[in-house]
N, C-alpha and C. Protein backbone atom coordinates (compact mmCIF):
# COMPACT_ATOMS: atom_id res chain seq x y z
N GLN A 1 45.51 67.93 28.81
CA GLN A 1 44.67 66.79 27.98
C GLN A 1 45.69 66.10 26.95
N VAL A 2 44.85 64.77 26.88
CA VAL A 2 45.68 63.75 26.52
C VAL A 2 44.45 63.33 25.01
N GLN A 3 45.03 63.03 23.87
CA GLN A 3 44.31 62.38 22.62
C GLN A 3 44.92 61.22 22.22
N LEU A 4 43.60 60.15 22.06
CA LEU A 4 43.82 58.78 21.76
C LEU A 4 43.35 58.38 20.54
N VAL A 5 43.87 58.19 19.69
CA VAL A 5 43.13 57.22 18.52
C VAL A 5 44.03 55.95 18.35
N GLU A 6 42.49 54.99 18.19
CA GLU A 6 42.71 53.78 18.20
C GLU A 6 42.98 53.21 16.74
N SER A 7 43.53 52.17 16.05
CA SER A 7 43.11 51.55 14.71
C SER A 7 43.21 50.16 14.87
N GLY A 8 42.66 49.31 14.04
CA GLY A 8 43.15 47.61 13.87
C GLY A 8 42.23 47.10 14.05
N GLY A 9 41.05 47.55 14.19
CA GLY A 9 39.93 46.47 15.12
C GLY A 9 39.07 45.56 13.39
N GLY A 10 38.13 44.89 13.90
CA GLY A 10 37.87 44.41 12.65
C GLY A 10 37.52 43.13 12.68
N LEU A 11 37.11 42.16 11.59
CA LEU A 11 36.07 40.81 11.83
C LEU A 11 37.27 39.98 11.47
N VAL A 12 37.08 38.85 12.36
CA VAL A 12 38.00 37.58 12.24
C VAL A 12 37.40 36.34 12.68
N GLN A 13 38.15 35.30 11.72
CA GLN A 13 37.37 33.77 12.42
C GLN A 13 37.88 33.49 14.16
N ALA A 14 37.22 32.85 15.08
CA ALA A 14 37.78 31.97 15.87
C ALA A 14 39.20 31.40 15.63
N GLY A 15 40.00 31.80 16.25
CA GLY A 15 41.05 31.33 16.24
C GLY A 15 42.26 31.78 15.90
N GLY A 16 41.69 33.43 14.68
CA GLY A 16 42.72 34.46 14.25
C GLY A 16 43.20 35.16 15.22
N SER A 17 44.11 36.27 14.36
CA SER A 17 44.34 36.99 15.09
C SER A 17 44.06 38.36 14.43
N LEU A 18 44.59 39.46 15.85
CA LEU A 18 44.36 40.67 15.32
C LEU A 18 45.19 41.94 16.02
N ARG A 19 45.28 42.85 15.72
CA ARG A 19 46.56 43.78 16.25
C ARG A 19 45.87 45.27 16.55
N LEU A 20 45.71 45.38 17.67
CA LEU A 20 45.29 47.30 17.70
C LEU A 20 46.29 47.97 18.01
N SER A 21 46.49 49.10 17.52
CA SER A 21 47.22 50.21 17.95
C SER A 21 46.57 51.22 18.52
N CYS A 22 46.95 52.17 19.25
CA CYS A 22 46.91 53.54 19.84
C CYS A 22 47.79 54.34 19.63
N VAL A 23 47.68 55.44 19.26
CA VAL A 23 48.55 56.72 19.41
C VAL A 23 48.28 57.99 20.32
N ALA A 24 48.96 58.18 21.40
CA ALA A 24 48.67 59.08 22.11
C ALA A 24 48.90 60.93 21.67
N SER A 25 48.45 61.88 21.63
CA SER A 25 48.96 62.81 21.66
C SER A 25 48.67 64.23 22.77
N GLY A 26 49.24 65.24 22.69
CA GLY A 26 48.75 65.82 23.96
C GLY A 26 50.00 66.05 25.02
N ASN A 27 49.47 66.06 26.23
CA ASN A 27 50.46 66.16 27.27
C ASN A 27 50.86 64.64 27.61
N THR A 28 51.53 64.01 26.71
CA THR A 28 51.87 62.73 26.50
C THR A 28 53.22 62.56 28.10
N PHE A 29 53.40 63.65 28.17
CA PHE A 29 54.67 63.30 29.37
C PHE A 29 53.94 62.93 30.36
N SER A 30 52.88 63.37 30.74
CA SER A 30 52.55 63.06 31.99
C SER A 30 51.38 61.77 32.25
N ILE A 31 51.71 60.64 31.03
CA ILE A 31 50.98 59.44 30.80
C ILE A 31 51.80 58.83 32.08
N VAL A 32 51.52 57.86 33.14
CA VAL A 32 51.82 56.79 34.16
C VAL A 32 51.88 55.39 33.33
N ALA A 33 50.49 55.38 32.35
CA ALA A 33 50.14 53.98 32.18
C ALA A 33 49.22 54.15 31.06
N MET A 34 49.47 52.88 30.17
CA MET A 34 48.28 52.86 28.98
C MET A 34 47.68 51.21 29.26
N GLY A 35 46.76 51.64 28.27
CA GLY A 35 45.96 50.12 28.55
C GLY A 35 44.86 49.59 27.36
N TRP A 36 44.20 48.75 27.41
CA TRP A 36 43.13 48.32 26.52
C TRP A 36 41.98 47.84 27.52
N TYR A 37 40.63 48.28 27.39
CA TYR A 37 39.59 47.91 28.05
C TYR A 37 38.76 47.70 26.83
N ARG A 38 37.76 46.83 27.41
CA ARG A 38 36.47 46.22 26.40
C ARG A 38 35.27 46.39 27.19
N GLN A 39 34.32 46.54 26.22
CA GLN A 39 32.57 46.25 26.45
C GLN A 39 32.13 45.35 25.38
N GLY A 40 31.28 44.76 26.04
CA GLY A 40 30.77 43.49 24.94
C GLY A 40 29.43 43.96 25.34
N PRO A 41 28.43 43.12 24.30
CA PRO A 41 27.24 43.75 24.11
C PRO A 41 26.55 42.99 25.66
N GLY A 42 25.79 44.17 26.07
CA GLY A 42 25.44 43.77 27.89
C GLY A 42 26.12 43.87 28.42
N LYS A 43 27.66 44.04 28.45
CA LYS A 43 28.46 43.68 29.64
C LYS A 43 28.91 45.08 30.25
N ARG A 44 29.68 44.78 31.49
CA ARG A 44 30.50 46.17 31.45
C ARG A 44 31.56 46.39 31.21
N ARG A 45 32.20 47.65 31.09
CA ARG A 45 33.54 47.45 30.35
C ARG A 45 34.82 47.21 31.30
N GLU A 46 35.84 46.40 30.95
CA GLU A 46 36.53 45.64 31.71
C GLU A 46 38.02 45.84 31.06
N LEU A 47 38.66 45.73 31.97
CA LEU A 47 40.10 46.00 31.58
C LEU A 47 40.70 44.77 30.75
N VAL A 48 41.43 44.69 29.68
CA VAL A 48 41.93 43.79 29.19
C VAL A 48 43.58 43.68 29.61
N ALA A 49 44.32 44.65 29.47
CA ALA A 49 45.92 44.77 29.79
C ALA A 49 46.22 45.97 29.96
N SER A 50 47.33 46.62 30.70
CA SER A 50 47.65 47.50 30.70
C SER A 50 48.92 47.28 31.07
N ILE A 51 49.53 48.50 30.81
CA ILE A 51 51.61 48.56 30.55
C ILE A 51 51.67 49.81 31.36
N THR A 52 52.61 50.05 32.38
CA THR A 52 52.95 51.11 32.81
C THR A 52 54.46 51.86 32.36
N SER A 53 54.92 53.13 32.43
CA SER A 53 55.87 53.71 31.53
C SER A 53 57.18 52.87 32.12
N GLY A 54 57.16 52.11 32.98
CA GLY A 54 58.50 51.15 33.16
C GLY A 54 58.34 49.83 32.65
N GLY A 55 57.14 49.46 32.00
CA GLY A 55 56.89 48.39 31.45
C GLY A 55 56.36 47.24 31.80
N SER A 56 55.90 47.65 33.32
CA SER A 56 55.26 46.49 34.08
C SER A 56 53.74 46.22 33.34
N THR A 57 53.52 45.02 33.31
CA THR A 57 51.89 44.44 32.52
C THR A 57 51.43 43.92 33.49
N ASN A 58 50.23 44.14 33.39
CA ASN A 58 48.95 43.32 33.91
C ASN A 58 48.05 42.89 33.06
N TYR A 59 47.16 41.82 32.95
CA TYR A 59 46.45 41.38 31.89
C TYR A 59 45.19 40.83 32.77
N ALA A 60 44.27 40.60 32.28
CA ALA A 60 42.68 39.86 32.83
C ALA A 60 43.21 38.42 32.25
N ASP A 61 42.35 37.30 33.00
CA ASP A 61 42.83 36.25 33.27
C ASP A 61 42.25 35.59 32.25
N SER A 62 40.95 36.34 31.56
CA SER A 62 40.71 35.70 30.37
C SER A 62 41.55 35.53 29.22
N VAL A 63 42.68 36.63 29.21
CA VAL A 63 43.46 36.92 28.03
C VAL A 63 44.57 36.50 28.47
N LYS A 64 45.08 36.04 29.30
CA LYS A 64 46.38 35.69 29.65
C LYS A 64 46.83 34.43 28.69
N GLY A 65 48.34 34.69 27.91
CA GLY A 65 48.92 33.70 26.95
C GLY A 65 47.88 34.15 25.97
N ARG A 66 47.53 34.75 25.59
CA ARG A 66 46.85 34.76 24.10
C ARG A 66 46.90 36.54 23.68
N PHE A 67 47.15 37.51 24.59
CA PHE A 67 47.32 38.77 24.12
C PHE A 67 48.68 38.94 24.75
N THR A 68 48.72 40.12 24.23
CA THR A 68 50.14 40.74 24.25
C THR A 68 50.48 41.89 24.15
N ILE A 69 50.39 42.86 25.32
CA ILE A 69 50.63 44.54 25.37
C ILE A 69 51.83 44.59 25.38
N SER A 70 52.02 45.93 24.22
CA SER A 70 53.47 46.58 24.63
C SER A 70 53.32 48.05 24.22
N ARG A 71 54.21 48.77 24.42
CA ARG A 71 54.38 50.06 24.50
C ARG A 71 55.56 50.87 24.20
N ASP A 72 55.49 51.76 23.19
CA ASP A 72 57.11 52.50 22.64
C ASP A 72 56.96 54.09 23.27
N ASN A 73 57.33 54.46 24.16
CA ASN A 73 57.38 55.11 25.08
C ASN A 73 57.65 56.60 23.99
N ALA A 74 58.98 56.08 23.53
CA ALA A 74 59.12 57.36 22.36
C ALA A 74 57.93 57.95 21.37
N LYS A 75 56.96 57.18 21.03
CA LYS A 75 56.46 57.38 20.35
C LYS A 75 54.94 57.34 20.49
N ASN A 76 54.89 57.39 22.09
CA ASN A 76 53.24 57.32 22.29
C ASN A 76 52.71 56.41 21.93
N THR A 77 52.85 54.98 21.59
CA THR A 77 52.15 54.00 21.17
C THR A 77 52.08 52.83 22.04
N VAL A 78 50.68 52.48 21.90
CA VAL A 78 50.43 51.03 22.61
C VAL A 78 49.92 50.00 22.11
N ASP A 79 50.43 48.87 21.61
CA ASP A 79 49.60 47.84 20.51
C ASP A 79 49.27 46.78 21.74
N LEU A 80 47.95 45.93 21.17
CA LEU A 80 47.43 44.87 21.68
C LEU A 80 47.30 43.86 20.59
N GLN A 81 48.52 42.87 20.87
CA GLN A 81 48.65 41.63 19.83
C GLN A 81 47.58 40.49 20.73
N MET A 82 46.69 40.26 19.62
CA MET A 82 45.50 39.25 19.91
C MET A 82 45.84 38.27 19.17
N ASN A 83 45.78 37.13 19.83
CA ASN A 83 46.25 35.52 19.08
C ASN A 83 44.87 34.83 19.52
N SER A 84 44.79 33.31 19.41
CA SER A 84 43.70 32.72 19.58
C SER A 84 42.46 32.94 19.74
N LEU A 85 42.19 34.08 19.24
CA LEU A 85 40.77 34.95 19.32
C LEU A 85 39.32 33.86 19.63
N LYS A 86 38.53 34.65 20.18
CA LYS A 86 37.46 33.65 20.84
C LYS A 86 36.48 34.20 20.49
N PRO A 87 34.85 33.86 20.11
CA PRO A 87 33.95 34.76 19.94
C PRO A 87 33.61 35.57 21.27
N ASP A 88 34.00 35.17 22.36
CA ASP A 88 33.70 35.93 23.66
C ASP A 88 34.84 37.10 23.60
N ASP A 89 35.48 37.37 22.76
CA ASP A 89 36.24 38.72 22.84
C ASP A 89 35.74 39.29 22.08
N THR A 90 34.55 39.22 21.48
CA THR A 90 33.93 39.90 20.82
C THR A 90 33.62 41.50 21.74
N ALA A 91 33.95 42.62 21.44
CA ALA A 91 33.54 43.84 21.95
C ALA A 91 34.02 44.75 21.26
N VAL A 92 33.72 45.75 21.81
CA VAL A 92 34.40 47.25 21.32
C VAL A 92 35.61 47.61 22.21
N TYR A 93 36.96 47.80 21.90
CA TYR A 93 38.14 47.95 22.56
C TYR A 93 38.56 49.57 22.48
N TYR A 94 38.68 49.24 24.10
CA TYR A 94 39.38 51.14 24.15
C TYR A 94 40.42 51.39 24.69
N CYS A 95 41.08 52.19 24.09
CA CYS A 95 42.61 52.42 24.56
C CYS A 95 42.34 53.83 25.67
N ASN A 96 42.96 53.66 26.99
CA ASN A 96 43.27 54.10 28.14
C ASN A 96 44.38 54.53 28.17
N ALA A 97 44.68 56.11 28.69
CA ALA A 97 45.61 56.81 29.29
C ALA A 97 45.73 56.88 30.65
N GLN A 98 46.09 56.77 31.41
CA GLN A 98 46.14 57.32 32.94
C GLN A 98 47.36 58.50 33.23
N VAL A 99 46.80 59.49 33.39
CA VAL A 99 47.66 60.66 33.67
C VAL A 99 47.48 61.13 34.92
N VAL A 100 48.80 61.60 35.40
CA VAL A 100 48.94 62.01 36.51
C VAL A 100 48.91 63.56 36.62
N SER A 101 48.42 64.47 37.25
CA SER A 101 48.32 65.94 37.05
C SER A 101 47.63 66.62 38.45
N ARG A 102 48.52 66.53 39.58
CA ARG A 102 47.80 66.69 40.72
C ARG A 102 46.56 65.49 41.09
N SER A 103 45.72 65.08 40.48
CA SER A 103 45.46 63.87 40.73
C SER A 103 45.45 62.90 39.44
N LEU A 104 44.75 61.89 39.92
CA LEU A 104 44.61 60.60 38.66
C LEU A 104 43.33 60.84 37.44
N TYR A 105 43.88 60.98 36.37
CA TYR A 105 43.06 61.11 35.28
C TYR A 105 43.09 60.08 34.06
N HIS A 106 41.60 59.79 33.75
CA HIS A 106 41.73 58.41 32.53
C HIS A 106 40.96 59.47 31.48
N TYR A 107 42.03 59.08 30.41
CA TYR A 107 41.80 59.38 29.01
C TYR A 107 41.23 58.35 28.46
N TRP A 108 40.09 58.39 27.39
CA TRP A 108 39.57 57.42 26.58
C TRP A 108 39.65 57.65 24.77
N GLY A 109 40.25 56.79 24.22
CA GLY A 109 39.94 56.40 22.78
C GLY A 109 38.64 56.21 22.28
N GLN A 110 38.24 56.61 21.02
CA GLN A 110 36.60 56.46 20.37
C GLN A 110 36.34 55.05 20.36
N GLY A 111 37.00 54.30 20.38
CA GLY A 111 36.67 52.55 20.67
C GLY A 111 36.88 51.76 19.42
N THR A 112 37.25 50.78 19.22
CA THR A 112 37.12 49.92 18.12
C THR A 112 36.43 48.68 18.20
N GLN A 113 35.79 48.36 16.93
CA GLN A 113 35.04 47.14 17.13
C GLN A 113 35.73 46.01 16.73
N VAL A 114 35.90 44.94 17.73
CA VAL A 114 36.25 43.88 17.54
C VAL A 114 35.21 42.78 17.35
N THR A 115 35.21 41.95 16.17
CA THR A 115 33.97 40.81 16.00
C THR A 115 34.91 39.39 15.86
N VAL A 116 34.51 38.42 16.49
CA VAL A 116 35.12 37.37 16.37
C VAL A 116 34.04 35.95 16.10
N SER A 117 34.02 35.40 15.01
CA SER A 117 32.98 34.96 14.19
C SER A 117 33.13 33.30 14.87
N SER A 118 32.17 32.44 15.31
CA SER A 118 32.70 31.12 15.44
C SER A 118 32.69 30.37 14.14
């Protein structure tokens, strides 16, 4: 089992910045990748960015050049720096951890609201 706790959401004007943080606890030694997903109003949950234990990153096209994901394996944290925010970035952001234990499992945080006003 892995527990994830997010922080850092809030309300920001378009063009502003926010930083989301997520800390993992539990069987963190089995985590192979962490990331951030989001679900906007009336939309499906989508990948925002992910990072493997080795540091390889993946970003949604819509956030490339604006968002940066980083990870501290020693502290079991993953952060998402979000710059040049747009109203379309408004969503609940969820921290995700992928764990390998005979099979691949996904664990989720409770979500944090990000609202970008125009």
